[in-house]
């Protein structure tokens, strides 16, 4: 009959857990903007006090892994366990590098700078049969995403006999 004696203890502890759960605790929302993504993740008090979910957004202004915004303003008092959405910067927007091989340099330059790339020009000696000022090499692989502001060097054929 030792098994019977254990059962009431179990149900008592469950009732006790329920009553403590009903006592509402209020906590003050911190300013997450002062912290990084990993600092928020590693903070045990945040895990205890809030139900934090993250959203990621590209940003030119806010550094990668830093906080852009939070759904509840800092200093507000909320029930313990309240949900807070923290928006984290995923870094600068990413742009797919267009393939400008064989294009006239000016046209390639306009296309790539409009997308947010920094374009540099290098001139290669023309063997005499190539169309001058035509892109013959790109320093980065076309079709891949790069952060806005990335530099790409376009090599063009020089003037014939130049």
N, C-alpha and C. Protein backbone atom coordinates (compact mmCIF):
# COMPACT_ATOMS: atom_id res chain seq x y z
N UNK A 1 0.83 -1.21 0.00
CA UNK A 1 0.00 0.00 0.00
C UNK A 1 0.87 1.26 0.00
N UNK A 2 2.21 1.08 -0.23
CA UNK A 2 3.12 2.23 -0.29
C UNK A 2 2.82 3.10 -1.48
N UNK A 3 2.31 2.52 -2.58
CA UNK A 3 1.99 3.26 -3.79
C UNK A 3 0.83 4.21 -3.55
N UNK A 4 -0.14 3.79 -2.68
CA UNK A 4 -1.30 4.65 -2.41
C UNK A 4 -0.86 5.92 -1.66
N UNK A 5 0.11 5.77 -0.76
CA UNK A 5 0.59 6.91 0.02
C UNK A 5 1.27 7.96 -0.83
N UNK A 6 1.83 7.57 -1.99
CA UNK A 6 2.54 8.52 -2.85
C UNK A 6 1.57 9.39 -3.65
N UNK A 7 0.43 8.85 -4.00
CA UNK A 7 -0.48 9.57 -4.88
C UNK A 7 -0.96 10.91 -4.32
N UNK A 8 -1.45 10.98 -3.08
CA UNK A 8 -1.94 12.28 -2.59
C UNK A 8 -0.84 13.34 -2.59
N UNK A 9 0.41 12.92 -2.32
CA UNK A 9 1.52 13.88 -2.32
C UNK A 9 1.67 14.51 -3.71
N UNK A 10 1.55 13.67 -4.74
CA UNK A 10 1.67 14.16 -6.11
C UNK A 10 0.61 15.21 -6.39
N UNK A 11 -0.64 14.92 -6.06
CA UNK A 11 -1.73 15.86 -6.37
C UNK A 11 -1.60 17.13 -5.53
N UNK A 12 -1.07 17.02 -4.30
CA UNK A 12 -0.88 18.22 -3.47
C UNK A 12 0.14 19.15 -4.13
N UNK A 13 1.25 18.59 -4.60
CA UNK A 13 2.29 19.42 -5.21
C UNK A 13 1.76 20.07 -6.50
N UNK A 14 0.90 19.36 -7.25
CA UNK A 14 0.32 19.93 -8.47
C UNK A 14 -0.56 21.12 -8.12
N UNK A 15 -1.36 20.99 -7.07
CA UNK A 15 -2.25 22.09 -6.64
C UNK A 15 -1.39 23.27 -6.21
N UNK A 16 -0.32 22.98 -5.51
CA UNK A 16 0.59 24.04 -5.05
C UNK A 16 1.18 24.79 -6.24
N UNK A 17 1.62 24.06 -7.27
CA UNK A 17 2.18 24.67 -8.46
C UNK A 17 1.15 25.58 -9.12
N UNK A 18 -0.09 25.13 -9.19
CA UNK A 18 -1.15 25.92 -9.83
C UNK A 18 -1.39 27.23 -9.08
N UNK A 19 -1.43 27.18 -7.75
CA UNK A 19 -1.71 28.40 -6.99
C UNK A 19 -0.59 29.42 -7.16
N UNK A 20 0.67 28.98 -7.20
CA UNK A 20 1.76 29.94 -7.39
C UNK A 20 1.71 30.52 -8.79
N UNK A 21 1.25 29.75 -9.77
CA UNK A 21 1.15 30.24 -11.15
C UNK A 21 0.13 31.38 -11.26
N UNK A 22 -0.88 31.37 -10.42
CA UNK A 22 -1.93 32.40 -10.50
C UNK A 22 -1.50 33.72 -9.86
N UNK A 23 -0.46 33.70 -9.04
CA UNK A 23 0.02 34.95 -8.44
C UNK A 23 0.79 35.69 -9.52
N UNK A 24 0.24 36.79 -10.02
CA UNK A 24 0.87 37.51 -11.12
C UNK A 24 2.09 38.29 -10.64
N UNK A 25 3.15 38.12 -11.40
CA UNK A 25 4.38 38.85 -11.12
C UNK A 25 4.52 39.90 -12.22
N UNK A 26 4.91 41.10 -11.84
CA UNK A 26 5.13 42.13 -12.86
C UNK A 26 6.62 42.40 -12.96
N UNK A 27 7.06 42.60 -14.20
CA UNK A 27 8.48 42.85 -14.45
C UNK A 27 8.62 44.06 -15.35
N UNK A 28 9.74 44.76 -15.23
CA UNK A 28 9.99 45.94 -16.05
C UNK A 28 10.74 45.51 -17.30
N UNK A 29 10.28 46.03 -18.43
CA UNK A 29 10.89 45.69 -19.71
C UNK A 29 12.21 46.46 -19.87
N UNK A 30 13.31 45.74 -20.14
CA UNK A 30 14.60 46.41 -20.33
C UNK A 30 14.69 47.06 -21.71
N UNK A 31 15.71 47.91 -21.89
CA UNK A 31 15.96 48.50 -23.20
C UNK A 31 16.84 47.54 -23.97
N UNK A 32 16.19 46.70 -24.80
CA UNK A 32 16.93 45.70 -25.57
C UNK A 32 17.84 46.35 -26.61
N UNK A 33 17.58 47.62 -26.97
CA UNK A 33 18.39 48.31 -27.99
C UNK A 33 19.84 48.48 -27.55
N UNK A 34 20.09 48.37 -26.25
CA UNK A 34 21.46 48.52 -25.73
C UNK A 34 22.24 47.20 -25.81
N UNK A 35 21.57 46.13 -26.22
CA UNK A 35 22.17 44.81 -26.22
C UNK A 35 22.26 44.22 -27.62
N UNK A 36 23.07 43.17 -27.75
CA UNK A 36 23.15 42.45 -29.02
C UNK A 36 22.25 41.22 -28.94
N UNK A 37 22.02 40.62 -30.08
CA UNK A 37 21.21 39.41 -30.19
C UNK A 37 21.71 38.33 -29.23
N UNK A 38 23.03 38.06 -29.24
CA UNK A 38 23.57 36.99 -28.38
C UNK A 38 23.46 37.34 -26.90
N UNK A 39 23.60 38.62 -26.54
CA UNK A 39 23.46 39.02 -25.13
C UNK A 39 22.03 38.77 -24.63
N UNK A 40 21.06 39.02 -25.49
CA UNK A 40 19.66 38.79 -25.13
C UNK A 40 19.42 37.28 -24.98
N UNK A 41 19.93 36.49 -25.95
CA UNK A 41 19.76 35.03 -25.91
C UNK A 41 20.36 34.41 -24.66
N UNK A 42 21.51 34.92 -24.21
CA UNK A 42 22.24 34.31 -23.09
C UNK A 42 21.76 34.77 -21.72
N UNK A 43 20.84 35.73 -21.66
CA UNK A 43 20.41 36.28 -20.38
C UNK A 43 19.31 35.42 -19.75
N UNK A 44 19.64 34.76 -18.66
CA UNK A 44 18.70 33.85 -17.98
C UNK A 44 17.47 34.60 -17.44
N UNK A 45 17.66 35.82 -16.94
CA UNK A 45 16.54 36.60 -16.39
C UNK A 45 15.51 36.91 -17.49
N UNK A 46 15.99 37.20 -18.70
CA UNK A 46 15.06 37.49 -19.80
C UNK A 46 14.22 36.25 -20.11
N UNK A 47 14.87 35.07 -20.12
CA UNK A 47 14.17 33.81 -20.39
C UNK A 47 13.10 33.55 -19.33
N UNK A 48 13.42 33.89 -18.08
CA UNK A 48 12.49 33.69 -16.96
C UNK A 48 11.33 34.68 -17.03
N UNK A 49 11.63 35.93 -17.37
CA UNK A 49 10.62 36.99 -17.27
C UNK A 49 9.79 37.24 -18.51
N UNK A 50 10.30 36.88 -19.68
CA UNK A 50 9.60 37.22 -20.92
C UNK A 50 9.56 36.04 -21.88
N UNK A 51 8.61 36.08 -22.79
CA UNK A 51 8.53 35.13 -23.90
C UNK A 51 9.04 35.95 -25.09
N UNK A 52 10.35 35.87 -25.35
CA UNK A 52 10.95 36.71 -26.40
C UNK A 52 11.00 35.95 -27.72
N UNK A 53 10.49 36.61 -28.75
CA UNK A 53 10.66 36.04 -30.09
C UNK A 53 11.38 37.08 -30.94
N UNK A 54 12.11 36.60 -31.93
CA UNK A 54 12.95 37.46 -32.74
C UNK A 54 12.48 37.52 -34.18
N UNK A 55 12.61 38.69 -34.76
CA UNK A 55 12.38 38.88 -36.19
C UNK A 55 13.66 39.49 -36.73
N UNK A 56 14.01 39.17 -37.96
CA UNK A 56 15.24 39.69 -38.55
C UNK A 56 14.91 40.55 -39.75
N UNK A 57 15.61 41.68 -39.84
CA UNK A 57 15.32 42.66 -40.88
C UNK A 57 16.64 43.29 -41.35
N UNK A 58 16.79 43.46 -42.65
CA UNK A 58 18.00 44.11 -43.18
C UNK A 58 17.95 45.59 -42.84
N UNK A 59 19.11 46.18 -42.55
CA UNK A 59 19.16 47.59 -42.19
C UNK A 59 20.48 48.23 -42.62
N UNK A 60 20.36 49.42 -43.22
CA UNK A 60 21.56 50.18 -43.58
C UNK A 60 22.13 50.88 -42.35
N UNK A 61 21.24 51.25 -41.41
CA UNK A 61 21.64 52.06 -40.26
C UNK A 61 22.09 51.23 -39.06
N UNK A 62 21.39 50.11 -38.79
CA UNK A 62 21.67 49.34 -37.58
C UNK A 62 22.61 48.18 -37.89
N UNK A 63 23.68 48.09 -37.11
CA UNK A 63 24.71 47.06 -37.28
C UNK A 63 24.11 45.66 -37.15
N UNK A 64 24.68 44.71 -37.87
CA UNK A 64 24.23 43.32 -37.84
C UNK A 64 24.24 42.80 -36.40
N UNK A 65 23.18 42.05 -36.02
CA UNK A 65 22.98 41.46 -34.69
C UNK A 65 22.64 42.47 -33.60
N UNK A 66 22.43 43.74 -33.96
CA UNK A 66 21.99 44.73 -33.00
C UNK A 66 20.47 44.90 -33.12
N UNK A 67 19.87 45.44 -32.06
CA UNK A 67 18.41 45.56 -32.01
C UNK A 67 17.93 46.79 -32.77
N UNK A 68 16.94 46.59 -33.64
CA UNK A 68 16.31 47.69 -34.38
C UNK A 68 15.15 48.23 -33.55
N UNK A 69 14.31 47.32 -33.03
CA UNK A 69 13.15 47.75 -32.25
C UNK A 69 12.66 46.62 -31.35
N UNK A 70 11.74 46.98 -30.45
CA UNK A 70 11.11 45.99 -29.57
C UNK A 70 9.63 46.33 -29.47
N UNK A 71 8.78 45.28 -29.35
CA UNK A 71 7.33 45.47 -29.39
C UNK A 71 6.76 46.13 -28.13
N UNK A 72 7.48 46.04 -27.02
CA UNK A 72 7.05 46.70 -25.78
C UNK A 72 8.15 47.68 -25.39
N UNK A 73 7.77 48.91 -25.13
CA UNK A 73 8.76 49.96 -24.84
C UNK A 73 9.52 49.70 -23.54
N UNK A 74 10.81 50.08 -23.51
CA UNK A 74 11.62 49.93 -22.29
C UNK A 74 10.98 50.69 -21.13
N UNK A 75 11.06 50.11 -19.93
CA UNK A 75 10.54 50.77 -18.74
C UNK A 75 9.08 50.42 -18.45
N UNK A 76 8.38 49.82 -19.41
CA UNK A 76 6.99 49.42 -19.17
C UNK A 76 6.96 48.24 -18.23
N UNK A 77 5.90 48.19 -17.40
CA UNK A 77 5.72 47.08 -16.49
C UNK A 77 4.73 46.11 -17.12
N UNK A 78 5.13 44.84 -17.25
CA UNK A 78 4.27 43.83 -17.87
C UNK A 78 4.21 42.59 -16.99
N UNK A 79 3.21 41.75 -17.22
CA UNK A 79 3.10 40.48 -16.49
C UNK A 79 4.29 39.61 -16.87
N UNK A 80 4.82 38.90 -15.89
CA UNK A 80 5.92 37.97 -16.15
C UNK A 80 5.44 36.95 -17.18
N UNK A 81 6.27 36.67 -18.17
CA UNK A 81 5.89 35.71 -19.21
C UNK A 81 5.26 36.39 -20.42
N UNK A 82 5.15 37.73 -20.40
CA UNK A 82 4.57 38.45 -21.53
C UNK A 82 5.44 38.28 -22.76
N UNK A 83 4.78 38.29 -23.93
CA UNK A 83 5.53 38.14 -25.18
C UNK A 83 6.08 39.48 -25.63
N UNK A 84 7.33 39.46 -26.04
CA UNK A 84 7.99 40.65 -26.58
C UNK A 84 8.66 40.23 -27.88
N UNK A 85 8.41 40.99 -28.92
CA UNK A 85 9.06 40.71 -30.20
C UNK A 85 10.21 41.70 -30.34
N UNK A 86 11.41 41.16 -30.54
CA UNK A 86 12.60 41.99 -30.70
C UNK A 86 13.05 41.85 -32.16
N UNK A 87 13.16 43.00 -32.85
CA UNK A 87 13.60 42.99 -34.24
C UNK A 87 15.10 43.23 -34.29
N UNK A 88 15.80 42.27 -34.91
CA UNK A 88 17.27 42.28 -34.97
C UNK A 88 17.71 42.59 -36.40
N UNK A 89 18.78 43.37 -36.51
CA UNK A 89 19.33 43.68 -37.83
C UNK A 89 20.07 42.47 -38.39
N UNK A 90 19.75 42.11 -39.62
CA UNK A 90 20.47 41.02 -40.29
C UNK A 90 21.61 41.61 -41.12
N UNK A 91 21.88 42.90 -40.90
CA UNK A 91 22.96 43.56 -41.62
C UNK A 91 22.42 44.34 -42.81
N UNK A 92 23.34 44.81 -43.61
CA UNK A 92 22.94 45.59 -44.79
C UNK A 92 22.13 44.73 -45.74
N UNK A 93 21.23 45.38 -46.50
CA UNK A 93 20.45 44.61 -47.48
C UNK A 93 21.39 43.89 -48.45
N UNK A 94 20.97 42.73 -48.91
CA UNK A 94 21.78 41.96 -49.85
C UNK A 94 21.23 42.13 -51.26
N UNK A 95 22.15 42.22 -52.21
CA UNK A 95 21.78 42.42 -53.61
C UNK A 95 22.50 41.38 -54.45
N UNK A 96 21.79 40.81 -55.40
CA UNK A 96 22.41 39.85 -56.32
C UNK A 96 23.22 40.63 -57.35
N UNK A 97 24.50 40.24 -57.52
CA UNK A 97 25.37 40.90 -58.48
C UNK A 97 24.99 40.46 -59.89
N UNK A 98 24.64 41.46 -60.71
CA UNK A 98 24.28 41.18 -62.11
C UNK A 98 25.53 40.83 -62.91
N UNK A 99 25.34 39.99 -63.93
CA UNK A 99 26.44 39.63 -64.82
C UNK A 99 26.58 40.73 -65.88
N UNK A 100 27.69 41.46 -65.85
CA UNK A 100 27.90 42.56 -66.80
C UNK A 100 29.05 42.25 -67.77
N UNK A 101 29.45 40.99 -67.82
CA UNK A 101 30.51 40.58 -68.75
C UNK A 101 30.12 40.91 -70.18
N UNK A 102 31.06 41.49 -70.93
CA UNK A 102 30.81 41.81 -72.33
C UNK A 102 30.09 43.14 -72.55
N UNK A 103 29.64 43.78 -71.46
CA UNK A 103 28.95 45.07 -71.58
C UNK A 103 29.95 46.20 -71.69
N UNK A 104 29.48 47.32 -72.21
CA UNK A 104 30.27 48.55 -72.20
C UNK A 104 30.41 48.96 -70.73
N UNK A 105 31.60 49.47 -70.35
CA UNK A 105 31.87 49.81 -68.96
C UNK A 105 30.85 50.80 -68.39
N UNK A 106 30.53 51.88 -69.12
CA UNK A 106 29.61 52.90 -68.59
C UNK A 106 28.25 52.30 -68.26
N UNK A 107 27.75 51.44 -69.14
CA UNK A 107 26.45 50.78 -68.91
C UNK A 107 26.53 49.86 -67.68
N UNK A 108 27.61 49.07 -67.59
CA UNK A 108 27.83 48.16 -66.46
C UNK A 108 27.93 48.96 -65.16
N UNK A 109 28.67 50.07 -65.19
CA UNK A 109 28.83 50.94 -64.02
C UNK A 109 27.48 51.46 -63.54
N UNK A 110 26.67 51.97 -64.47
CA UNK A 110 25.33 52.49 -64.12
C UNK A 110 24.46 51.42 -63.48
N UNK A 111 24.44 50.24 -64.08
CA UNK A 111 23.64 49.12 -63.57
C UNK A 111 24.03 48.74 -62.14
N UNK A 112 25.33 48.55 -61.93
CA UNK A 112 25.81 48.07 -60.63
C UNK A 112 25.74 49.13 -59.54
N UNK A 113 26.04 50.39 -59.86
CA UNK A 113 25.94 51.44 -58.84
C UNK A 113 24.48 51.68 -58.46
N UNK A 114 23.56 51.53 -59.41
CA UNK A 114 22.13 51.68 -59.12
C UNK A 114 21.68 50.61 -58.12
N UNK A 115 22.32 49.45 -58.16
CA UNK A 115 22.01 48.35 -57.23
C UNK A 115 22.69 48.54 -55.87
N UNK A 116 23.61 49.51 -55.77
CA UNK A 116 24.26 49.76 -54.49
C UNK A 116 25.69 49.24 -54.37
N UNK A 117 26.27 48.82 -55.49
CA UNK A 117 27.66 48.36 -55.46
C UNK A 117 28.61 49.54 -55.67
N UNK A 118 29.81 49.45 -55.12
CA UNK A 118 30.88 50.40 -55.42
C UNK A 118 31.66 49.76 -56.55
N UNK A 119 31.82 50.48 -57.66
CA UNK A 119 32.47 49.91 -58.84
C UNK A 119 33.83 50.56 -59.09
N UNK A 120 34.84 49.71 -59.28
CA UNK A 120 36.18 50.18 -59.60
C UNK A 120 36.54 49.63 -60.97
N UNK A 121 37.39 50.37 -61.67
CA UNK A 121 37.75 50.00 -63.04
C UNK A 121 39.24 49.72 -63.16
N UNK A 122 39.56 48.64 -63.86
CA UNK A 122 40.94 48.29 -64.17
C UNK A 122 40.99 48.07 -65.68
N UNK A 123 42.05 48.58 -66.32
CA UNK A 123 42.17 48.43 -67.77
C UNK A 123 43.22 47.37 -68.08
N UNK A 124 42.86 46.45 -68.97
CA UNK A 124 43.77 45.39 -69.40
C UNK A 124 44.24 45.70 -70.82
N UNK A 125 45.50 45.37 -71.09
CA UNK A 125 46.06 45.60 -72.43
C UNK A 125 45.26 44.81 -73.46
N UNK A 126 44.87 45.51 -74.50
CA UNK A 126 44.06 44.91 -75.57
C UNK A 126 44.97 44.22 -76.59
N UNK A 127 44.73 42.93 -76.86
CA UNK A 127 45.55 42.21 -77.84
C UNK A 127 45.29 42.68 -79.28
N UNK A 128 44.39 43.64 -79.44
CA UNK A 128 44.16 44.21 -80.77
C UNK A 128 42.90 43.74 -81.45
N UNK A 129 42.19 42.79 -80.83
CA UNK A 129 40.98 42.27 -81.47
C UNK A 129 39.73 42.46 -80.61
N UNK A 130 39.92 42.96 -79.37
CA UNK A 130 38.80 43.10 -78.46
C UNK A 130 38.22 44.52 -78.52
N UNK A 131 36.92 44.61 -78.26
CA UNK A 131 36.24 45.91 -78.30
C UNK A 131 36.67 46.71 -77.05
N UNK A 132 37.30 47.88 -77.25
CA UNK A 132 37.75 48.70 -76.10
C UNK A 132 36.59 49.05 -75.15
N UNK A 133 36.94 49.19 -73.86
CA UNK A 133 36.03 49.59 -72.79
C UNK A 133 34.90 48.58 -72.56
N UNK A 134 35.16 47.33 -72.95
CA UNK A 134 34.19 46.25 -72.72
C UNK A 134 34.65 45.44 -71.52
N UNK A 135 33.71 45.11 -70.63
CA UNK A 135 34.04 44.35 -69.42
C UNK A 135 34.48 42.94 -69.81
N UNK A 136 35.72 42.58 -69.39
CA UNK A 136 36.24 41.25 -69.69
C UNK A 136 36.47 40.42 -68.42
N UNK A 137 36.31 41.05 -67.24
CA UNK A 137 36.46 40.31 -65.99
C UNK A 137 35.75 41.05 -64.85
N UNK A 138 35.19 40.26 -63.92
CA UNK A 138 34.56 40.81 -62.72
C UNK A 138 35.26 40.20 -61.51
N UNK A 139 35.57 41.02 -60.51
CA UNK A 139 36.29 40.53 -59.33
C UNK A 139 35.41 39.65 -58.43
N UNK A 140 34.10 39.75 -58.58
CA UNK A 140 33.18 38.93 -57.78
C UNK A 140 32.32 38.09 -58.72
N UNK A 141 31.80 37.00 -58.21
CA UNK A 141 30.98 36.10 -59.01
C UNK A 141 29.56 36.64 -59.17
N UNK A 142 29.14 36.79 -60.42
CA UNK A 142 27.78 37.25 -60.70
C UNK A 142 26.76 36.19 -60.26
N UNK A 143 25.57 36.65 -59.88
CA UNK A 143 24.50 35.74 -59.50
C UNK A 143 24.49 35.40 -58.02
N UNK A 144 25.46 35.94 -57.28
CA UNK A 144 25.54 35.69 -55.83
C UNK A 144 25.14 36.97 -55.10
N UNK A 145 24.56 36.83 -53.89
CA UNK A 145 24.17 37.98 -53.08
C UNK A 145 25.35 38.56 -52.34
N UNK A 146 25.43 39.89 -52.34
CA UNK A 146 26.45 40.61 -51.58
C UNK A 146 25.77 41.73 -50.81
N UNK A 147 26.41 42.19 -49.73
CA UNK A 147 25.88 43.32 -48.98
C UNK A 147 25.94 44.57 -49.84
N UNK A 148 24.91 45.41 -49.67
CA UNK A 148 24.88 46.70 -50.34
C UNK A 148 26.16 47.44 -49.93
N UNK A 149 26.81 48.10 -50.90
CA UNK A 149 28.04 48.83 -50.60
C UNK A 149 29.31 48.04 -50.87
N UNK A 150 29.15 46.76 -51.26
CA UNK A 150 30.31 45.93 -51.58
C UNK A 150 31.01 46.48 -52.83
N UNK A 151 32.34 46.41 -52.84
CA UNK A 151 33.11 46.87 -54.00
C UNK A 151 33.32 45.73 -54.98
N UNK A 152 33.16 46.06 -56.25
CA UNK A 152 33.42 45.09 -57.32
C UNK A 152 34.33 45.78 -58.34
N UNK A 153 35.37 45.07 -58.78
CA UNK A 153 36.28 45.62 -59.77
C UNK A 153 35.94 45.03 -61.13
N UNK A 154 35.74 45.91 -62.10
CA UNK A 154 35.48 45.49 -63.47
C UNK A 154 36.74 45.74 -64.29
N UNK A 155 37.21 44.71 -64.95
CA UNK A 155 38.37 44.84 -65.82
C UNK A 155 37.83 45.01 -67.24
N UNK A 156 38.34 46.02 -67.91
CA UNK A 156 37.89 46.31 -69.29
C UNK A 156 39.09 46.26 -70.25
N UNK A 157 38.78 46.03 -71.50
CA UNK A 157 39.84 46.04 -72.52
C UNK A 157 40.21 47.50 -72.80
N UNK A 158 41.52 47.73 -72.91
CA UNK A 158 42.01 49.08 -73.23
C UNK A 158 41.85 49.38 -74.71
N UNK A 159 42.29 50.58 -75.08
CA UNK A 159 42.23 50.99 -76.50
C UNK A 159 43.16 50.10 -77.32
N UNK A 160 42.78 49.82 -78.53
CA UNK A 160 43.61 49.01 -79.40
C UNK A 160 44.88 49.79 -79.70
N UNK A 161 46.01 49.15 -79.50
CA UNK A 161 47.30 49.79 -79.73
C UNK A 161 47.67 50.78 -78.63
N UNK A 162 46.85 50.79 -77.53
CA UNK A 162 47.11 51.75 -76.45
C UNK A 162 47.88 51.18 -75.30
